[in-house]
C-alpha atoms as a PDB file:
ATOM      1  CA  MET A   1     -28.058   3.411  -1.569  1.00  0.00           C
ATOM      2  CA  ARG A   2     -24.587   2.325  -0.954  1.00  0.00           C
ATOM      3  CA  GLN A   3     -21.679   4.437  -2.144  1.00  0.00           C
ATOM      4  CA  PRO A   4     -18.718   2.789  -3.812  1.00  0.00           C
ATOM      5  CA  PHE A   5     -15.993   1.784  -1.213  1.00  0.00           C
ATOM      6  CA  ASP A   6     -13.405  -0.111  -2.865  1.00  0.00           C
ATOM      7  CA  ILE A   7      -9.439  -0.816  -2.588  1.00  0.00           C
ATOM      8  CA  VAL A   8      -7.854  -0.867  -5.928  1.00  0.00           C
ATOM      9  CA  PHE A   9      -4.425  -2.822  -5.868  1.00  0.00           C
ATOM     10  CA  LEU A  10      -1.833  -0.977  -8.155  1.00  0.00           C
ATOM     11  CA  GLY A  11       1.059  -3.165  -6.770  1.00  0.00           C
ATOM     12  CA  THR A  12       0.920  -6.203  -4.722  1.00  0.00           C
ATOM     13  CA  GLY A  13       4.547  -7.344  -4.738  1.00  0.00           C
ATOM     14  CA  SER A  14       7.744  -6.546  -2.530  1.00  0.00           C
ATOM     15  CA  PRO A  15      11.298  -5.502  -3.209  1.00  0.00           C
ATOM     16  CA  LEU A  16      11.830  -8.737  -4.711  1.00  0.00           C
ATOM     17  CA  PRO A  17      11.631  -8.690  -8.568  1.00  0.00           C
ATOM     18  CA  SER A  18       8.359 -10.215  -9.953  1.00  0.00           C
ATOM     19  CA  PRO A  19       7.005 -10.271 -13.663  1.00  0.00           C
ATOM     20  CA  ASP A  20       3.560 -10.131 -12.093  1.00  0.00           C
ATOM     21  CA  ARG A  21       3.627  -7.864  -9.108  1.00  0.00           C
ATOM     22  CA  CYS A  22       4.869  -4.256  -8.937  1.00  0.00           C
ATOM     23  CA  GLY A  23       5.861  -2.425  -5.875  1.00  0.00           C
ATOM     24  CA  CYS A  24       3.256  -1.582  -3.259  1.00  0.00           C
ATOM     25  CA  GLY A  25       0.435   0.916  -4.131  1.00  0.00           C
ATOM     26  CA  HIS A  26      -3.322   1.130  -3.495  1.00  0.00           C
ATOM     27  CA  VAL A  27      -6.116   3.636  -4.379  1.00  0.00           C
ATOM     28  CA  ILE A  28      -8.808   4.117  -1.927  1.00  0.00           C
ATOM     29  CA  VAL A  29     -12.071   4.596  -3.810  1.00  0.00           C
ATOM     30  CA  ALA A  30     -14.782   6.298  -1.511  1.00  0.00           C
ATOM     31  CA  GLY A  31     -17.783   7.549  -3.380  1.00  0.00           C
ATOM     32  CA  SER A  32     -16.167  10.169  -5.832  1.00  0.00           C
ATOM     33  CA  GLN A  33     -12.969  10.331  -3.893  1.00  0.00           C
ATOM     34  CA  HIS A  34      -9.665   8.582  -4.820  1.00  0.00           C
ATOM     35  CA  ILE A  35      -6.790   8.427  -2.309  1.00  0.00           C
ATOM     36  CA  LEU A  36      -3.434   7.024  -3.206  1.00  0.00           C
ATOM     37  CA  VAL A  37      -1.831   4.860  -0.551  1.00  0.00           C
ATOM     38  CA  ASP A  38       2.060   4.325  -1.419  1.00  0.00           C
ATOM     39  CA  CYS A  39       3.527   4.247  -4.861  1.00  0.00           C
ATOM     40  CA  GLY A  40       6.368   1.847  -5.243  1.00  0.00           C
ATOM     41  CA  TRP A  41       8.129   0.948  -8.331  1.00  0.00           C
ATOM     42  CA  GLY A  42       5.685   0.194 -11.265  1.00  0.00           C
ATOM     43  CA  ALA A  43       2.596   1.241  -9.282  1.00  0.00           C
ATOM     44  CA  ALA A  44       1.974   4.413 -11.143  1.00  0.00           C
ATOM     45  CA  ARG A  45       1.701   2.607 -14.576  1.00  0.00           C
ATOM     46  CA  ARG A  46      -1.110   0.460 -13.075  1.00  0.00           C
ATOM     47  CA  ILE A  47      -3.259   3.380 -12.401  1.00  0.00           C
ATOM     48  CA  LEU A  48      -4.587   3.921 -15.863  1.00  0.00           C
ATOM     49  CA  ALA A  49      -4.853   0.153 -16.264  1.00  0.00           C
ATOM     50  CA  SER A  50      -6.906   0.045 -13.055  1.00  0.00           C
ATOM     51  CA  GLY A  51      -9.447   2.522 -14.628  1.00  0.00           C
ATOM     52  CA  ILE A  52      -8.686   5.461 -12.642  1.00  0.00           C
ATOM     53  CA  LEU A  53      -7.762   8.949 -14.114  1.00  0.00           C
ATOM     54  CA  PRO A  54      -4.506  10.086 -12.245  1.00  0.00           C
ATOM     55  CA  SER A  55      -5.994  13.599 -12.011  1.00  0.00           C
ATOM     56  CA  ALA A  56      -8.894  12.207 -10.079  1.00  0.00           C
ATOM     57  CA  ILE A  57      -6.472  11.652  -7.187  1.00  0.00           C
ATOM     58  CA  ASP A  58      -5.975  14.699  -4.941  1.00  0.00           C
ATOM     59  CA  THR A  59      -4.686  13.149  -1.906  1.00  0.00           C
ATOM     60  CA  ALA A  60      -1.774  10.567  -1.111  1.00  0.00           C
ATOM     61  CA  ILE A  61      -0.716   8.978   2.123  1.00  0.00           C
ATOM     62  CA  PHE A  62       2.548   6.956   2.740  1.00  0.00           C
ATOM     63  CA  THR A  63       3.069   4.160   5.166  1.00  0.00           C
ATOM     64  CA  HIS A  64       6.886   4.665   5.287  1.00  0.00           C
ATOM     65  CA  MET A  65       9.897   5.494   3.250  1.00  0.00           C
ATOM     66  CA  HIS A  66      11.293   2.114   2.000  1.00  0.00           C
ATOM     67  CA  THR A  67      11.843   2.297  -1.811  1.00  0.00           C
ATOM     68  CA  ASP A  68       9.300  -0.313  -2.918  1.00  0.00           C
ATOM     69  CA  HIS A  69       6.590   1.968  -1.483  1.00  0.00           C
ATOM     70  CA  ILE A  70       7.820   5.455  -2.893  1.00  0.00           C
ATOM     71  CA  THR A  71       9.994   5.229  -6.135  1.00  0.00           C
ATOM     72  CA  ASP A  72       7.074   5.577  -8.666  1.00  0.00           C
ATOM     73  CA  PHE A  73       5.736   8.789  -6.881  1.00  0.00           C
ATOM     74  CA  PRO A  74       7.631  10.976  -9.579  1.00  0.00           C
ATOM     75  CA  ASP A  75       5.936   9.089 -12.403  1.00  0.00           C
ATOM     76  CA  PHE A  76       2.530   9.584 -10.604  1.00  0.00           C
ATOM     77  CA  LEU A  77       2.965  13.305 -10.334  1.00  0.00           C
ATOM     78  CA  PHE A  78       3.492  13.694 -13.982  1.00  0.00           C
ATOM     79  CA  LEU A  79       0.696  11.362 -14.921  1.00  0.00           C
ATOM     80  CA  ARG A  80      -1.600  13.433 -12.545  1.00  0.00           C
ATOM     81  CA  TRP A  81      -0.455  16.612 -14.120  1.00  0.00           C
ATOM     82  CA  THR A  82      -0.818  15.777 -17.711  1.00  0.00           C
ATOM     83  CA  SER A  83      -4.162  14.233 -17.238  1.00  0.00           C
ATOM     84  CA  GLY A  84      -5.484  17.411 -16.183  1.00  0.00           C
ATOM     85  CA  ALA A  85      -4.692  18.148 -12.500  1.00  0.00           C
ATOM     86  CA  ARG A  86      -5.347  21.840 -11.557  1.00  0.00           C
ATOM     87  CA  VAL A  87      -5.083  21.675  -7.833  1.00  0.00           C
ATOM     88  CA  PRO A  88      -1.927  20.780  -5.673  1.00  0.00           C
ATOM     89  CA  LEU A  89      -1.548  17.114  -4.397  1.00  0.00           C
ATOM     90  CA  ARG A  90      -1.966  16.739  -0.560  1.00  0.00           C
ATOM     91  CA  VAL A  91       0.392  14.398   0.925  1.00  0.00           C
ATOM     92  CA  TYR A  92       0.322  12.808   4.425  1.00  0.00           C
ATOM     93  CA  GLY A  93       2.965  10.404   5.842  1.00  0.00           C
ATOM     94  CA  PRO A  94       5.405   9.797   8.713  1.00  0.00           C
ATOM     95  CA  GLU A  95       8.606  11.752   9.503  1.00  0.00           C
ATOM     96  CA  GLY A  96      10.719  11.763   6.287  1.00  0.00           C
ATOM     97  CA  THR A  97       7.699  12.234   3.894  1.00  0.00           C
ATOM     98  CA  GLY A  98       8.661  15.772   3.440  1.00  0.00           C
ATOM     99  CA  ASP A  99      12.269  15.131   2.488  1.00  0.00           C
ATOM    100  CA  MET A 100      11.247  12.314   0.124  1.00  0.00           C
ATOM    101  CA  VAL A 101       8.666  14.829  -1.744  1.00  0.00           C
ATOM    102  CA  GLU A 102      11.286  17.665  -1.748  1.00  0.00           C
ATOM    103  CA  GLY A 103      14.009  15.427  -3.200  1.00  0.00           C
ATOM    104  CA  PHE A 104      11.928  14.084  -6.014  1.00  0.00           C
ATOM    105  CA  LEU A 105      10.689  17.495  -6.861  1.00  0.00           C
ATOM    106  CA  HIS A 106      14.144  18.868  -6.939  1.00  0.00           C
ATOM    107  CA  ALA A 107      15.346  16.147  -9.193  1.00  0.00           C
ATOM    108  CA  LEU A 108      12.273  17.076 -11.652  1.00  0.00           C
ATOM    109  CA  ARG A 109      12.589  20.794 -11.556  1.00  0.00           C
ATOM    110  CA  ARG A 110      14.268  20.939 -14.975  1.00  0.00           C
ATOM    111  CA  ASP A 111      11.812  18.822 -16.527  1.00  0.00           C
ATOM    112  CA  ILE A 112       8.811  20.698 -14.777  1.00  0.00           C
ATOM    113  CA  GLY A 113      10.352  23.876 -16.429  1.00  0.00           C
ATOM    114  CA  PHE A 114      10.703  22.257 -19.821  1.00  0.00           C
ATOM    115  CA  ARG A 115       7.120  21.068 -19.905  1.00  0.00           C
ATOM    116  CA  LEU A 116       5.730  24.451 -18.878  1.00  0.00           C
ATOM    117  CA  ALA A 117       7.899  26.151 -21.693  1.00  0.00           C
ATOM    118  CA  HIS A 118       6.719  23.686 -24.092  1.00  0.00           C
ATOM    119  CA  HIS A 119       2.921  23.247 -23.263  1.00  0.00           C
ATOM    120  CA  GLY A 120       2.386  26.775 -21.878  1.00  0.00           C
ATOM    121  CA  ASP A 121      -1.003  27.090 -20.140  1.00  0.00           C
ATOM    122  CA  LYS A 122      -2.315  23.740 -21.210  1.00  0.00           C
ATOM    123  CA  LEU A 123      -0.693  22.394 -17.935  1.00  0.00           C
ATOM    124  CA  HIS A 124      -1.856  24.110 -14.731  1.00  0.00           C
ATOM    125  CA  PRO A 125       1.043  25.136 -12.618  1.00  0.00           C
ATOM    126  CA  ASP A 126      -0.752  24.047  -9.507  1.00  0.00           C
ATOM    127  CA  GLY A 127      -1.043  20.666 -10.788  1.00  0.00           C
ATOM    128  CA  ILE A 128       2.486  19.783 -10.027  1.00  0.00           C
ATOM    129  CA  VAL A 129       2.406  21.312  -6.597  1.00  0.00           C
ATOM    130  CA  VAL A 130       2.734  19.036  -3.584  1.00  0.00           C
ATOM    131  CA  GLU A 131       1.481  19.958  -0.074  1.00  0.00           C
ATOM    132  CA  VAL A 132       3.094  17.779   2.611  1.00  0.00           C
ATOM    133  CA  THR A 133       1.928  17.168   6.087  1.00  0.00           C
ATOM    134  CA  GLU A 134       3.903  14.989   8.287  1.00  0.00           C
ATOM    135  CA  LEU A 135       2.020  12.985  10.996  1.00  0.00           C
ATOM    136  CA  SER A 136       3.058  12.179  14.485  1.00  0.00           C
ATOM    137  CA  PRO A 137       2.959   8.483  15.491  1.00  0.00           C
ATOM    138  CA  SER A 138       0.237   7.220  17.509  1.00  0.00           C
ATOM    139  CA  ALA A 139      -0.096   3.633  19.028  1.00  0.00           C
ATOM    140  CA  ARG A 140      -3.962   3.821  18.611  1.00  0.00           C
ATOM    141  CA  PRO A 141      -5.704   4.829  15.243  1.00  0.00           C
ATOM    142  CA  ALA A 142      -5.669   8.713  15.225  1.00  0.00           C
ATOM    143  CA  PRO A 143      -7.725  10.790  12.634  1.00  0.00           C
ATOM    144  CA  PHE A 144      -5.942  13.170  10.337  1.00  0.00           C
ATOM    145  CA  PHE A 145      -8.278  13.633   7.372  1.00  0.00           C
ATOM    146  CA  GLU A 146     -12.064  13.738   7.158  1.00  0.00           C
ATOM    147  CA  ARG A 147     -14.087  14.792   4.029  1.00  0.00           C
ATOM    148  CA  ASP A 148     -17.440  13.948   2.816  1.00  0.00           C
ATOM    149  CA  GLY A 149     -17.860  11.043   5.158  1.00  0.00           C
ATOM    150  CA  LEU A 150     -14.535   9.571   4.436  1.00  0.00           C
ATOM    151  CA  VAL A 151     -12.288   9.176   7.634  1.00  0.00           C
ATOM    152  CA  LEU A 152      -8.432   8.387   7.620  1.00  0.00           C
ATOM    153  CA  GLU A 153      -6.672   7.316  10.794  1.00  0.00           C
ATOM    154  CA  ARG A 154      -3.251   6.320  11.181  1.00  0.00           C
ATOM    155  CA  PHE A 155      -1.459   4.056  13.563  1.00  0.00           C
ATOM    156  CA  GLU A 156       2.128   2.975  14.284  1.00  0.00           C
ATOM    157  CA  VAL A 157       3.274  -0.522  13.369  1.00  0.00           C
ATOM    158  CA  ASP A 158       6.154  -2.560  14.199  1.00  0.00           C
ATOM    159  CA  HIS A 159       8.617  -2.497  10.909  1.00  0.00           C
ATOM    160  CA  PHE A 160      11.822  -1.658  13.200  1.00  0.00           C
ATOM    161  CA  PRO A 161      14.334  -0.408  12.363  1.00  0.00           C
ATOM    162  CA  VAL A 162      12.085   1.721  10.062  1.00  0.00           C
ATOM    163  CA  VAL A 163      10.605   4.217  12.661  1.00  0.00           C
ATOM    164  CA  PRO A 164       8.037   5.479  12.325  1.00  0.00           C
ATOM    165  CA  ALA A 165       5.963   3.120  10.013  1.00  0.00           C
ATOM    166  CA  PHE A 166       2.273   3.543   9.692  1.00  0.00           C
ATOM    167  CA  GLY A 167      -0.745   1.467   8.915  1.00  0.00           C
ATOM    168  CA  TYR A 168      -4.002   3.232   8.093  1.00  0.00           C
ATOM    169  CA  ARG A 169      -7.787   2.668   9.067  1.00  0.00           C
ATOM    170  CA  VAL A 170     -10.289   3.873   6.610  1.00  0.00           C
ATOM    171  CA  ARG A 171     -13.969   4.408   7.487  1.00  0.00           C
ATOM    172  CA  PHE A 172     -16.604   5.335   4.905  1.00  0.00           C
ATOM    173  CA  ASP A 173     -20.255   4.572   4.406  1.00  0.00           C
ATOM    174  CA  GLY A 174     -20.551   2.630   7.730  1.00  0.00           C
ATOM    175  CA  ARG A 175     -17.740   0.301   6.593  1.00  0.00           C
ATOM    176  CA  THR A 176     -14.122  -0.124   7.797  1.00  0.00           C
ATOM    177  CA  ALA A 177     -10.986  -1.018   5.921  1.00  0.00           C
ATOM    178  CA  VAL A 178      -7.515  -1.468   7.458  1.00  0.00           C
ATOM    179  CA  LEU A 179      -4.306  -1.404   5.596  1.00  0.00           C
ATOM    180  CA  SER A 180      -1.391  -2.867   7.582  1.00  0.00           C
ATOM    181  CA  GLY A 181       1.562  -1.256   5.856  1.00  0.00           C
ATOM    182  CA  ASP A 182       4.894  -3.243   6.458  1.00  0.00           C
ATOM    183  CA  THR A 183       4.851  -4.624   9.880  1.00  0.00           C
ATOM    184  CA  SER A 184       5.585  -7.744  12.220  1.00  0.00           C
ATOM    185  CA  PHE A 185       2.632  -9.105  14.455  1.00  0.00           C
ATOM    186  CA  CYS A 186       1.863  -6.193  16.817  1.00  0.00           C
ATOM    187  CA  GLU A 187      -0.723  -5.045  19.235  1.00  0.00           C
ATOM    188  CA  SER A 188      -1.404  -1.787  17.433  1.00  0.00           C
ATOM    189  CA  LEU A 189      -2.270  -3.593  14.261  1.00  0.00           C
ATOM    190  CA  LEU A 190      -4.677  -6.088  16.282  1.00  0.00           C
ATOM    191  CA  HIS A 191      -6.402  -3.032  17.949  1.00  0.00           C
ATOM    192  CA  ALA A 192      -6.747  -1.181  14.775  1.00  0.00           C
ATOM    193  CA  ALA A 193      -8.159  -4.224  12.962  1.00  0.00           C
ATOM    194  CA  ALA A 194     -10.805  -5.065  15.503  1.00  0.00           C
ATOM    195  CA  GLY A 195     -14.150  -5.474  13.725  1.00  0.00           C
ATOM    196  CA  ALA A 196     -12.976  -4.325  10.329  1.00  0.00           C
ATOM    197  CA  ASP A 197     -15.051  -5.421   7.276  1.00  0.00           C
ATOM    198  CA  MET A 198     -11.766  -5.710   5.420  1.00  0.00           C
ATOM    199  CA  LEU A 199      -8.106  -6.233   6.595  1.00  0.00           C
ATOM    200  CA  VAL A 200      -5.476  -5.644   3.644  1.00  0.00           C
ATOM    201  CA  CYS A 201      -2.380  -7.228   5.219  1.00  0.00           C
ATOM    202  CA  GLU A 202       1.134  -7.800   3.946  1.00  0.00           C
ATOM    203  CA  ALA A 203       2.166 -11.444   3.982  1.00  0.00           C
ATOM    204  CA  LEU A 204       5.453 -13.337   4.359  1.00  0.00           C
ATOM    205  CA  ASN A 205       5.381 -17.244   3.663  1.00  0.00           C
ATOM    206  CA  THR A 206       8.589 -17.995   5.599  1.00  0.00           C
ATOM    207  CA  ALA A 207       8.977 -21.656   4.301  1.00  0.00           C
ATOM    208  CA  MET A 208       8.832 -20.495   0.628  1.00  0.00           C
ATOM    209  CA  LEU A 209      11.293 -17.678   1.578  1.00  0.00           C
ATOM    210  CA  ARG A 210      13.754 -20.385   3.031  1.00  0.00           C
ATOM    211  CA  GLU A 211      13.542 -22.244  -0.297  1.00  0.00           C
ATOM    212  CA  ARG A 212      14.693 -19.068  -2.061  1.00  0.00           C
ATOM    213  CA  ILE A 213      17.449 -18.533   0.387  1.00  0.00           C
ATOM    214  CA  ALA A 214      18.535 -22.119  -0.015  1.00  0.00           C
ATOM    215  CA  ALA A 215      18.502 -21.864  -3.732  1.00  0.00           C
ATOM    216  CA  LEU A 216      20.783 -18.496  -3.540  1.00  0.00           C
ATOM    217  CA  ARG A 217      23.279 -20.370  -1.364  1.00  0.00           C
ATOM    218  CA  ALA A 218      23.379 -23.205  -3.873  1.00  0.00           C
ATOM    219  CA  MET A 219      24.247 -20.524  -6.576  1.00  0.00           C
ATOM    220  CA  GLY A 220      27.040 -19.049  -4.321  1.00  0.00           C
ATOM    221  CA  ARG A 221      24.912 -15.928  -3.816  1.00  0.00           C
ATOM    222  CA  ASP A 222      25.779 -15.635  -0.244  1.00  0.00           C
ATOM    223  CA  LEU A 223      25.310 -11.904   0.202  1.00  0.00           C
ATOM    224  CA  GLN A 224      21.883 -12.085  -1.243  1.00  0.00           C
ATOM    225  CA  ALA A 225      20.924 -15.052   0.797  1.00  0.00           C
ATOM    226  CA  SER A 226      22.090 -13.492   3.924  1.00  0.00           C
ATOM    227  CA  LEU A 227      20.042 -10.415   2.984  1.00  0.00           C
ATOM    228  CA  PHE A 228      16.961 -12.498   2.571  1.00  0.00           C
ATOM    229  CA  GLU A 229      17.582 -14.061   5.959  1.00  0.00           C
ATOM    230  CA  ASP A 230      16.922 -10.680   7.549  1.00  0.00           C
ATOM    231  CA  ILE A 231      13.376 -10.327   6.042  1.00  0.00           C
ATOM    232  CA  PRO A 232      11.398 -12.359   8.710  1.00  0.00           C
ATOM    233  CA  SER A 233      12.586  -9.927  11.483  1.00  0.00           C
ATOM    234  CA  TYR A 234      10.128  -7.108  10.428  1.00  0.00           C
ATOM    235  CA  HIS A 235       7.477  -8.744   8.236  1.00  0.00           C
ATOM    236  CA  ILE A 236       4.339 -10.917   9.226  1.00  0.00           C
ATOM    237  CA  ASP A 237       4.068 -14.524   8.607  1.00  0.00           C
ATOM    238  CA  VAL A 238       0.829 -15.920   6.847  1.00  0.00           C
ATOM    239  CA  SER A 239       0.097 -18.108  10.022  1.00  0.00           C
ATOM    240  CA  ASP A 240       0.321 -14.965  12.234  1.00  0.00           C
ATOM    241  CA  VAL A 241      -1.842 -12.890   9.660  1.00  0.00           C
ATOM    242  CA  ALA A 242      -4.549 -15.514   9.790  1.00  0.00           C
ATOM    243  CA  ARG A 243      -4.318 -15.558  13.692  1.00  0.00           C
ATOM    244  CA  LEU A 244      -4.428 -11.742  13.938  1.00  0.00           C
ATOM    245  CA  ALA A 245      -7.490 -11.633  11.634  1.00  0.00           C
ATOM    246  CA  GLN A 246      -9.286 -14.248  13.551  1.00  0.00           C
ATOM    247  CA  GLN A 247      -8.478 -12.570  16.963  1.00  0.00           C
ATOM    248  CA  ALA A 248      -9.500  -9.149  15.526  1.00  0.00           C
ATOM    249  CA  GLY A 249     -12.902 -10.586  14.148  1.00  0.00           C
ATOM    250  CA  VAL A 250     -12.161  -9.282  10.749  1.00  0.00           C
ATOM    251  CA  ARG A 251     -14.809 -10.096   8.150  1.00  0.00           C
ATOM    252  CA  GLN A 252     -12.561 -10.361   5.083  1.00  0.00           C
ATOM    253  CA  LEU A 253      -8.778 -10.959   4.771  1.00  0.00           C
ATOM    254  CA  VAL A 254      -6.836  -9.663   1.693  1.00  0.00           C
ATOM    255  CA  LEU A 255      -3.183 -10.401   1.325  1.00  0.00           C
ATOM    256  CA  ASP A 256      -0.708  -8.296  -0.615  1.00  0.00           C
ATOM    257  CA  HIS A 257       2.786  -7.214  -0.431  1.00  0.00           C
ATOM    258  CA  LEU A 258       3.664 -10.904  -0.960  1.00  0.00           C
ATOM    259  CA  ILE A 259       6.992 -12.272   0.095  1.00  0.00           C
ATOM    260  CA  PRO A 260       8.180 -13.960  -1.890  1.00  0.00           C
ATOM    261  CA  PRO A 261       6.339 -12.848  -4.900  1.00  0.00           C
ATOM    262  CA  VAL A 262       4.082 -15.706  -6.532  1.00  0.00           C
ATOM    263  CA  PRO A 263       2.245 -15.806  -9.809  1.00  0.00           C
ATOM    264  CA  ASN A 264      -1.235 -14.529 -10.185  1.00  0.00           C
ATOM    265  CA  SER A 265      -2.640 -17.959 -10.126  1.00  0.00           C
ATOM    266  CA  GLY A 266      -1.776 -21.588  -9.857  1.00  0.00           C
ATOM    267  CA  PRO A 267      -0.435 -23.870  -7.373  1.00  0.00           C
ATOM    268  CA  GLU A 268       2.129 -21.372  -5.868  1.00  0.00           C
ATOM    269  CA  VAL A 269      -0.719 -19.153  -4.645  1.00  0.00           C
ATOM    270  CA  ASP A 270      -2.378 -22.173  -3.001  1.00  0.00           C
ATOM    271  CA  ARG A 271       1.037 -23.099  -1.407  1.00  0.00           C
ATOM    272  CA  PHE A 272       1.351 -19.412  -0.267  1.00  0.00           C
ATOM    273  CA  ILE A 273      -1.877 -19.481   1.779  1.00  0.00           C
ATOM    274  CA  ALA A 274      -1.861 -23.138   2.964  1.00  0.00           C
ATOM    275  CA  GLY A 275      -2.935 -23.633   6.435  1.00  0.00           C
ATOM    276  CA  MET A 276      -4.407 -20.106   6.942  1.00  0.00           C
ATOM    277  CA  ALA A 277      -8.247 -21.162   6.727  1.00  0.00           C
ATOM    278  CA  GLU A 278      -7.305 -23.397   9.819  1.00  0.00           C
ATOM    279  CA  ARG A 279      -6.589 -20.178  11.751  1.00  0.00           C
ATOM    280  CA  PHE A 280      -8.973 -17.697  10.055  1.00  0.00           C
ATOM    281  CA  ARG A 281     -12.474 -18.713   9.480  1.00  0.00           C
ATOM    282  CA  GLY A 282     -13.480 -15.924   7.182  1.00  0.00           C
ATOM    283  CA  PRO A 283     -12.738 -15.316   3.399  1.00  0.00           C
ATOM    284  CA  ILE A 284      -9.157 -15.182   2.319  1.00  0.00           C
ATOM    285  CA  ARG A 285      -8.098 -13.398  -0.957  1.00  0.00           C
ATOM    286  CA  VAL A 286      -4.707 -13.080  -2.508  1.00  0.00           C
ATOM    287  CA  ALA A 287      -4.779  -9.525  -4.339  1.00  0.00           C
ATOM    288  CA  ARG A 288      -3.542  -9.188  -7.952  1.00  0.00           C
ATOM    289  CA  ASP A 289      -2.182  -5.785  -9.573  1.00  0.00           C
ATOM    290  CA  THR A 290      -5.003  -3.722 -11.024  1.00  0.00           C
ATOM    291  CA  GLU A 291      -7.740  -5.815  -8.954  1.00  0.00           C
ATOM    292  CA  ARG A 292     -10.578  -3.598  -7.487  1.00  0.00           C
ATOM    293  CA  ILE A 293     -12.013  -5.376  -4.367  1.00  0.00           C
ATOM    294  CA  PRO A 294     -15.145  -3.831  -2.608  1.00  0.00           C
ATOM    295  CA  VAL A 295     -15.207  -3.375   1.152  1.00  0.00           C
ATOM    296  CA  PRO A 296     -18.130  -5.625   2.096  1.00  0.00           C
ATOM    297  CA  GLY A 297     -20.889  -4.143   4.037  1.00  0.00           C
ATOM    298  CA  ALA A 298     -22.874  -5.661   6.847  1.00  0.00           C
ATOM    299  CA  PRO A 299     -24.771  -8.872   5.946  1.00  0.00           C
ATOM    300  CA  ALA A 300     -28.523  -8.328   5.086  1.00  0.00           C
END
């Protein structure tokens, strides 16, 4: 009997404000295991809304240290603790992950003390403890976590000047999912995605972004426009996402970390993915916050 192997999308947005899409965050559900992947702005509040008990998550992994991937981590720590966590949270990520965790815990130290003083032994002291392992970069997928049939592998992607930045390959129950992290088109992602049952990839629609830039210029917001002009240099356009997925032989393509953000449904979603089906012949989905998408198995 097949075990559950799902990707839960907590946040499918980017640093650009969106009423519909929070910052980047996912939960890998593999059997009874729950692994948090990134925790950007608003992602923690989506965990309960996604039907996941925060205390069920005992491991978190981070792709890189951009704010839209990390800033809700303190809220997650308290949600996890106050929903009954009794063991430390194991955290893996690139260089800088330890500093990030240490900084957040330092900022929270008084609040942690107040909670323990107020609630006493109702809150287990180990539930707010974090154990960090920083991972070395690897051009090819390299395993760093194995448990009950679940294998997590990291690989470096091209998000320069953010170095290192990771994508992750997840293997479980005879199926493979790949999460790109933030990246431009690169050989390491193409190699890691080869034959994957699901590729979860960030996506930039350059034409729609240019429309945003022109609107900002028209409003006299030249600084914001110039900052937006830097975005394409380290993100992957939808046409390249489709091309990579086709070359890699991916079975299903799921888009998130959308730039610019679009509503959950309607013509803007169709515009965002226009032309992709001409380059990738498999199914293409645009993920929504709190959506749970099963990793497909081999055809019967």
